[in-house]
Amino acid sequence: MKVSEECTRATASSLGAFELHNVSVAFFVSLLGTDCVSVRLSHSASGASVVAIDNKIEQAMDLVKSHLMFAVREEVEVLKDQIKELVERNSHLERENSALKGLASPEQLRDIQAQLTGRQQRAIGGAPSSLTP
């Protein structure tokens, strides 16, 4: 059974609305950036017109697929750039953190660690800490 036999139906006597898996031709045509044009059919539509409609639907689907693939590739490139920037920023912050830890006294490091522990306990609903944030 051909796609046209499965997915095409006429909703009026001489005006046909074609659907392919619940997606209308109008949708594909709107993706192409052109106006939707009604297709008139007679009850004795030839096999050639059905094949032509099938070909148009297939072309529209191919065009949609290529546009989607282009958009996905573009988004992947943007995300790769963002990942690269975040990795560089993370590396910079780790170096800065190490340098600051090297400059801090052991007493300062203990105080900071105690403050962080108190904040974490308050955040998870633990016992209130006497340390100020």
N, C-alpha and C. Protein backbone atom coordinates (compact mmCIF):
# COMPACT_ATOMS: atom_id res chain seq x y z
N MET A 1 0.85 -1.18 0.00
CA MET A 1 0.00 0.00 0.00
C MET A 1 0.89 1.23 0.00
N LYS A 2 0.59 2.19 -0.86
CA LYS A 2 1.40 3.40 -0.99
C LYS A 2 1.05 4.40 0.10
N VAL A 3 1.97 5.33 0.34
CA VAL A 3 1.74 6.39 1.32
C VAL A 3 0.49 7.16 1.00
N SER A 4 0.28 7.45 -0.30
CA SER A 4 -0.88 8.24 -0.69
C SER A 4 -2.17 7.52 -0.35
N GLU A 5 -2.19 6.20 -0.47
CA GLU A 5 -3.40 5.45 -0.17
C GLU A 5 -3.66 5.43 1.33
N GLU A 6 -2.61 5.41 2.13
CA GLU A 6 -2.76 5.34 3.57
C GLU A 6 -3.07 6.70 4.18
N CYS A 7 -2.44 7.75 3.70
CA CYS A 7 -2.42 9.01 4.42
C CYS A 7 -3.17 10.14 3.75
N THR A 8 -3.78 9.91 2.59
CA THR A 8 -4.42 10.99 1.85
C THR A 8 -5.92 10.77 1.87
N ARG A 9 -6.65 11.84 2.11
CA ARG A 9 -8.11 11.72 2.06
C ARG A 9 -8.70 13.03 1.58
N ALA A 10 -9.81 12.95 0.88
CA ALA A 10 -10.51 14.15 0.43
C ALA A 10 -11.61 14.45 1.43
N THR A 11 -11.71 15.71 1.88
CA THR A 11 -12.71 16.07 2.86
C THR A 11 -13.93 16.74 2.24
N ALA A 12 -13.85 17.17 0.99
CA ALA A 12 -15.00 17.73 0.29
C ALA A 12 -15.02 17.12 -1.10
N SER A 13 -16.07 17.36 -1.83
CA SER A 13 -16.20 16.69 -3.11
C SER A 13 -15.10 17.08 -4.08
N SER A 14 -14.77 18.36 -4.18
CA SER A 14 -13.73 18.73 -5.14
C SER A 14 -12.54 19.42 -4.48
N LEU A 15 -12.57 19.59 -3.16
CA LEU A 15 -11.47 20.25 -2.45
C LEU A 15 -10.86 19.24 -1.52
N GLY A 16 -9.58 18.99 -1.67
CA GLY A 16 -8.93 17.99 -0.84
C GLY A 16 -7.98 18.59 0.16
N ALA A 17 -8.01 18.10 1.36
CA ALA A 17 -7.01 18.47 2.36
C ALA A 17 -6.21 17.21 2.64
N PHE A 18 -4.94 17.26 2.40
CA PHE A 18 -4.12 16.08 2.52
C PHE A 18 -3.38 16.09 3.84
N GLU A 19 -3.36 14.95 4.48
CA GLU A 19 -2.66 14.83 5.75
C GLU A 19 -1.71 13.66 5.68
N LEU A 20 -0.55 13.85 6.28
CA LEU A 20 0.44 12.79 6.36
C LEU A 20 0.75 12.61 7.83
N HIS A 21 0.29 11.53 8.41
CA HIS A 21 0.47 11.28 9.85
C HIS A 21 0.05 12.49 10.68
N ASN A 22 -1.14 12.98 10.42
CA ASN A 22 -1.74 14.10 11.15
C ASN A 22 -1.00 15.42 10.97
N VAL A 23 -0.13 15.54 10.00
CA VAL A 23 0.53 16.80 9.67
C VAL A 23 0.08 17.19 8.28
N SER A 24 -0.56 18.33 8.15
CA SER A 24 -1.15 18.69 6.88
C SER A 24 -0.13 19.26 5.91
N VAL A 25 -0.50 19.25 4.65
CA VAL A 25 0.33 19.84 3.61
C VAL A 25 0.50 21.32 3.87
N ALA A 26 -0.54 21.94 4.42
CA ALA A 26 -0.45 23.37 4.74
C ALA A 26 0.71 23.64 5.69
N PHE A 27 0.94 22.73 6.63
CA PHE A 27 2.06 22.88 7.55
C PHE A 27 3.38 22.85 6.79
N PHE A 28 3.54 21.88 5.90
CA PHE A 28 4.78 21.79 5.13
C PHE A 28 4.96 23.02 4.24
N VAL A 29 3.87 23.46 3.63
CA VAL A 29 3.95 24.62 2.75
C VAL A 29 4.31 25.85 3.56
N SER A 30 3.76 25.98 4.78
CA SER A 30 4.10 27.14 5.62
C SER A 30 5.57 27.10 6.00
N LEU A 31 6.13 25.92 6.17
CA LEU A 31 7.56 25.82 6.46
C LEU A 31 8.41 26.24 5.27
N LEU A 32 7.86 26.06 4.08
CA LEU A 32 8.58 26.46 2.88
C LEU A 32 8.53 27.96 2.67
N GLY A 33 7.66 28.64 3.40
CA GLY A 33 7.55 30.09 3.29
C GLY A 33 6.66 30.54 2.16
N THR A 34 5.79 29.69 1.67
CA THR A 34 4.88 30.07 0.61
C THR A 34 3.46 29.93 1.11
N ASP A 35 2.52 30.53 0.40
CA ASP A 35 1.13 30.44 0.79
C ASP A 35 0.59 29.05 0.49
N CYS A 36 -0.32 28.64 1.32
CA CYS A 36 -0.97 27.35 1.11
C CYS A 36 -1.95 27.48 -0.04
N VAL A 37 -1.86 26.60 -1.00
CA VAL A 37 -2.75 26.63 -2.15
C VAL A 37 -3.60 25.38 -2.08
N SER A 38 -4.90 25.56 -2.22
CA SER A 38 -5.81 24.42 -2.20
C SER A 38 -5.58 23.59 -3.44
N VAL A 39 -5.73 22.30 -3.27
CA VAL A 39 -5.58 21.37 -4.38
C VAL A 39 -6.96 20.84 -4.72
N ARG A 40 -7.38 21.03 -5.97
CA ARG A 40 -8.70 20.57 -6.39
C ARG A 40 -8.55 19.19 -7.03
N LEU A 41 -9.43 18.32 -6.64
CA LEU A 41 -9.41 16.96 -7.17
C LEU A 41 -10.79 16.61 -7.71
N SER A 42 -10.79 15.83 -8.72
CA SER A 42 -12.06 15.26 -9.17
C SER A 42 -12.11 13.85 -8.60
N HIS A 43 -13.28 13.26 -8.63
CA HIS A 43 -13.40 11.91 -8.09
C HIS A 43 -12.57 10.92 -8.91
N SER A 44 -12.25 11.26 -10.14
CA SER A 44 -11.47 10.36 -10.98
C SER A 44 -10.03 10.87 -11.09
N ALA A 45 -9.44 11.27 -9.94
CA ALA A 45 -8.06 11.77 -9.94
C ALA A 45 -7.14 10.67 -10.45
N SER A 46 -6.28 11.06 -11.35
CA SER A 46 -5.40 10.07 -11.95
C SER A 46 -4.29 9.67 -10.98
N GLY A 47 -3.70 8.53 -11.23
CA GLY A 47 -2.59 8.06 -10.41
C GLY A 47 -1.42 9.01 -10.48
N ALA A 48 -1.28 9.71 -11.62
CA ALA A 48 -0.16 10.64 -11.78
C ALA A 48 -0.28 11.81 -10.82
N SER A 49 -1.51 12.31 -10.60
CA SER A 49 -1.66 13.45 -9.68
C SER A 49 -1.40 13.02 -8.25
N VAL A 50 -1.77 11.78 -7.91
CA VAL A 50 -1.50 11.27 -6.57
C VAL A 50 0.00 11.12 -6.37
N VAL A 51 0.69 10.62 -7.37
CA VAL A 51 2.14 10.49 -7.30
C VAL A 51 2.79 11.86 -7.19
N ALA A 52 2.27 12.83 -7.94
CA ALA A 52 2.82 14.19 -7.88
C ALA A 52 2.65 14.77 -6.49
N ILE A 53 1.49 14.52 -5.89
CA ILE A 53 1.26 15.01 -4.53
C ILE A 53 2.21 14.31 -3.55
N ASP A 54 2.38 13.01 -3.72
CA ASP A 54 3.32 12.26 -2.88
C ASP A 54 4.73 12.84 -3.01
N ASN A 55 5.12 13.17 -4.24
CA ASN A 55 6.44 13.74 -4.46
C ASN A 55 6.59 15.10 -3.78
N LYS A 56 5.54 15.91 -3.86
CA LYS A 56 5.58 17.23 -3.21
C LYS A 56 5.70 17.08 -1.70
N ILE A 57 4.95 16.15 -1.14
CA ILE A 57 5.02 15.91 0.31
C ILE A 57 6.42 15.44 0.69
N GLU A 58 6.97 14.53 -0.10
CA GLU A 58 8.31 14.03 0.18
C GLU A 58 9.35 15.14 0.09
N GLN A 59 9.22 16.01 -0.92
CA GLN A 59 10.15 17.14 -1.05
C GLN A 59 10.03 18.07 0.15
N ALA A 60 8.81 18.33 0.59
CA ALA A 60 8.60 19.20 1.75
C ALA A 60 9.22 18.59 3.00
N MET A 61 9.02 17.29 3.16
CA MET A 61 9.60 16.60 4.32
C MET A 61 11.13 16.64 4.27
N ASP A 62 11.70 16.45 3.09
CA ASP A 62 13.15 16.53 2.95
C ASP A 62 13.67 17.92 3.29
N LEU A 63 12.93 18.94 2.86
CA LEU A 63 13.32 20.31 3.16
C LEU A 63 13.25 20.58 4.66
N VAL A 64 12.18 20.11 5.30
CA VAL A 64 12.06 20.27 6.75
C VAL A 64 13.21 19.57 7.45
N LYS A 65 13.52 18.36 7.01
CA LYS A 65 14.61 17.60 7.61
C LYS A 65 15.94 18.34 7.47
N SER A 66 16.21 18.89 6.29
CA SER A 66 17.49 19.59 6.10
C SER A 66 17.55 20.86 6.93
N HIS A 67 16.41 21.57 7.08
CA HIS A 67 16.40 22.77 7.92
C HIS A 67 16.62 22.41 9.39
N LEU A 68 15.99 21.33 9.83
CA LEU A 68 16.18 20.89 11.21
C LEU A 68 17.62 20.47 11.47
N MET A 69 18.21 19.74 10.54
CA MET A 69 19.60 19.31 10.70
C MET A 69 20.53 20.51 10.75
N PHE A 70 20.28 21.51 9.92
CA PHE A 70 21.08 22.72 9.94
C PHE A 70 20.96 23.42 11.28
N ALA A 71 19.74 23.53 11.79
CA ALA A 71 19.52 24.20 13.08
C ALA A 71 20.20 23.43 14.21
N VAL A 72 20.13 22.12 14.17
CA VAL A 72 20.77 21.31 15.20
C VAL A 72 22.29 21.47 15.15
N ARG A 73 22.86 21.44 13.95
CA ARG A 73 24.31 21.62 13.82
C ARG A 73 24.74 22.99 14.35
N GLU A 74 23.95 24.00 14.04
CA GLU A 74 24.25 25.35 14.51
C GLU A 74 24.21 25.41 16.03
N GLU A 75 23.21 24.80 16.62
CA GLU A 75 23.07 24.78 18.09
C GLU A 75 24.23 24.01 18.73
N VAL A 76 24.65 22.92 18.12
CA VAL A 76 25.77 22.14 18.64
C VAL A 76 27.04 22.99 18.67
N GLU A 77 27.27 23.77 17.62
CA GLU A 77 28.45 24.64 17.59
C GLU A 77 28.39 25.68 18.70
N VAL A 78 27.23 26.27 18.92
CA VAL A 78 27.07 27.26 19.99
C VAL A 78 27.35 26.61 21.34
N LEU A 79 26.81 25.42 21.55
CA LEU A 79 27.02 24.72 22.82
C LEU A 79 28.48 24.33 23.02
N LYS A 80 29.15 23.92 21.95
CA LYS A 80 30.58 23.60 22.05
C LYS A 80 31.38 24.83 22.49
N ASP A 81 31.04 25.99 21.91
CA ASP A 81 31.72 27.23 22.30
C ASP A 81 31.46 27.56 23.76
N GLN A 82 30.22 27.39 24.21
CA GLN A 82 29.89 27.66 25.60
C GLN A 82 30.63 26.72 26.54
N ILE A 83 30.72 25.46 26.18
CA ILE A 83 31.45 24.49 27.00
C ILE A 83 32.92 24.88 27.10
N LYS A 84 33.50 25.27 25.97
CA LYS A 84 34.90 25.67 25.96
C LYS A 84 35.13 26.87 26.89
N GLU A 85 34.23 27.87 26.81
CA GLU A 85 34.35 29.05 27.68
C GLU A 85 34.21 28.67 29.15
N LEU A 86 33.26 27.78 29.45
CA LEU A 86 33.06 27.37 30.84
C LEU A 86 34.24 26.58 31.39
N VAL A 87 34.83 25.74 30.56
CA VAL A 87 36.01 24.98 30.98
C VAL A 87 37.17 25.93 31.28
N GLU A 88 37.36 26.92 30.41
CA GLU A 88 38.42 27.91 30.63
C GLU A 88 38.16 28.71 31.90
N ARG A 89 36.91 29.11 32.11
CA ARG A 89 36.56 29.88 33.31
C ARG A 89 36.77 29.04 34.57
N ASN A 90 36.37 27.77 34.52
CA ASN A 90 36.55 26.87 35.65
C ASN A 90 38.03 26.71 35.97
N SER A 91 38.84 26.54 34.96
CA SER A 91 40.29 26.40 35.16
C SER A 91 40.87 27.65 35.81
N HIS A 92 40.45 28.81 35.33
CA HIS A 92 40.92 30.08 35.89
C HIS A 92 40.52 30.20 37.37
N LEU A 93 39.27 29.86 37.68
CA LEU A 93 38.80 29.96 39.05
C LEU A 93 39.50 28.96 39.97
N GLU A 94 39.82 27.78 39.46
CA GLU A 94 40.56 26.80 40.27
C GLU A 94 41.97 27.32 40.57
N ARG A 95 42.62 27.93 39.58
CA ARG A 95 43.95 28.51 39.82
C ARG A 95 43.88 29.65 40.84
N GLU A 96 42.86 30.50 40.68
CA GLU A 96 42.67 31.62 41.62
C GLU A 96 42.41 31.10 43.03
N ASN A 97 41.59 30.08 43.15
CA ASN A 97 41.28 29.48 44.44
C ASN A 97 42.54 28.92 45.10
N SER A 98 43.35 28.23 44.32
CA SER A 98 44.61 27.68 44.86
C SER A 98 45.53 28.79 45.34
N ALA A 99 45.62 29.86 44.57
CA ALA A 99 46.48 30.98 44.97
C ALA A 99 45.97 31.62 46.25
N LEU A 100 44.67 31.80 46.37
CA LEU A 100 44.11 32.41 47.58
C LEU A 100 44.28 31.50 48.79
N LYS A 101 44.12 30.20 48.59
CA LYS A 101 44.36 29.26 49.70
C LYS A 101 45.81 29.32 50.16
N GLY A 102 46.71 29.50 49.21
CA GLY A 102 48.14 29.59 49.56
C GLY A 102 48.44 30.85 50.36
N LEU A 103 47.70 31.91 50.15
CA LEU A 103 47.93 33.17 50.87
C LEU A 103 47.22 33.21 52.22
N ALA A 104 46.21 32.38 52.41
CA ALA A 104 45.45 32.39 53.66
C ALA A 104 46.17 31.59 54.74
N SER A 105 46.00 32.03 55.98
CA SER A 105 46.60 31.31 57.11
C SER A 105 45.72 30.10 57.43
N PRO A 106 46.28 29.10 58.12
CA PRO A 106 45.48 27.93 58.51
C PRO A 106 44.26 28.31 59.34
N GLU A 107 44.40 29.34 60.14
CA GLU A 107 43.28 29.80 60.97
C GLU A 107 42.14 30.35 60.08
N GLN A 108 42.50 31.13 59.09
CA GLN A 108 41.49 31.68 58.17
C GLN A 108 40.79 30.56 57.40
N LEU A 109 41.55 29.57 56.99
CA LEU A 109 40.96 28.44 56.25
C LEU A 109 39.97 27.67 57.12
N ARG A 110 40.30 27.49 58.44
CA ARG A 110 39.38 26.81 59.35
C ARG A 110 38.09 27.62 59.51
N ASP A 111 38.23 28.94 59.65
CA ASP A 111 37.06 29.80 59.79
C ASP A 111 36.16 29.72 58.55
N ILE A 112 36.76 29.76 57.41
CA ILE A 112 35.99 29.68 56.15
C ILE A 112 35.30 28.33 56.06
N GLN A 113 36.02 27.26 56.39
CA GLN A 113 35.43 25.91 56.33
C GLN A 113 34.26 25.79 57.31
N ALA A 114 34.39 26.37 58.49
CA ALA A 114 33.30 26.34 59.47
C ALA A 114 32.09 27.11 58.96
N GLN A 115 32.31 28.25 58.32
CA GLN A 115 31.20 29.03 57.76
C GLN A 115 30.48 28.24 56.67
N LEU A 116 31.25 27.60 55.82
CA LEU A 116 30.65 26.82 54.74
C LEU A 116 29.85 25.64 55.29
N THR A 117 30.36 24.99 56.30
CA THR A 117 29.66 23.86 56.91
C THR A 117 28.36 24.33 57.53
N GLY A 118 28.39 25.47 58.21
CA GLY A 118 27.17 26.02 58.81
C GLY A 118 26.13 26.37 57.77
N ARG A 119 26.55 26.96 56.68
CA ARG A 119 25.61 27.31 55.60
C ARG A 119 24.98 26.05 55.00
N GLN A 120 25.79 25.02 54.82
CA GLN A 120 25.27 23.78 54.24
C GLN A 120 24.25 23.14 55.18
N GLN A 121 24.51 23.17 56.48
CA GLN A 121 23.57 22.59 57.44
C GLN A 121 22.25 23.35 57.43
N ARG A 122 22.31 24.69 57.37
CA ARG A 122 21.08 25.49 57.32
C ARG A 122 20.32 25.24 56.02
N ALA A 123 21.06 25.04 54.95
CA ALA A 123 20.42 24.84 53.65
C ALA A 123 19.65 23.52 53.60
N ILE A 124 20.13 22.50 54.27
CA ILE A 124 19.45 21.19 54.25
C ILE A 124 18.53 21.03 55.44
N GLY A 125 18.36 22.08 56.26
CA GLY A 125 17.41 22.02 57.37
C GLY A 125 18.02 21.46 58.64
N GLY A 126 19.32 21.49 58.75
CA GLY A 126 19.99 21.00 59.95
C GLY A 126 19.89 21.98 61.09
N ALA A 127 20.66 21.74 62.11
CA ALA A 127 20.66 22.60 63.30
C ALA A 127 21.17 23.97 62.93
N PRO A 128 20.57 25.04 63.48
CA PRO A 128 21.04 26.39 63.19
C PRO A 128 22.46 26.59 63.73
N SER A 129 23.23 27.26 62.93
CA SER A 129 24.63 27.49 63.29
C SER A 129 24.77 28.85 63.97
N SER A 130 25.72 28.94 64.88
CA SER A 130 25.96 30.22 65.56
C SER A 130 26.83 31.14 64.73
N LEU A 131 27.35 30.62 63.61
CA LEU A 131 28.20 31.45 62.74
C LEU A 131 27.33 32.37 61.91
N THR A 132 27.82 33.55 61.64
CA THR A 132 27.10 34.49 60.78
C THR A 132 27.51 34.24 59.34
N PRO A 133 26.60 34.41 58.44
CA PRO A 133 26.93 34.16 57.03
C PRO A 133 27.87 35.18 56.46
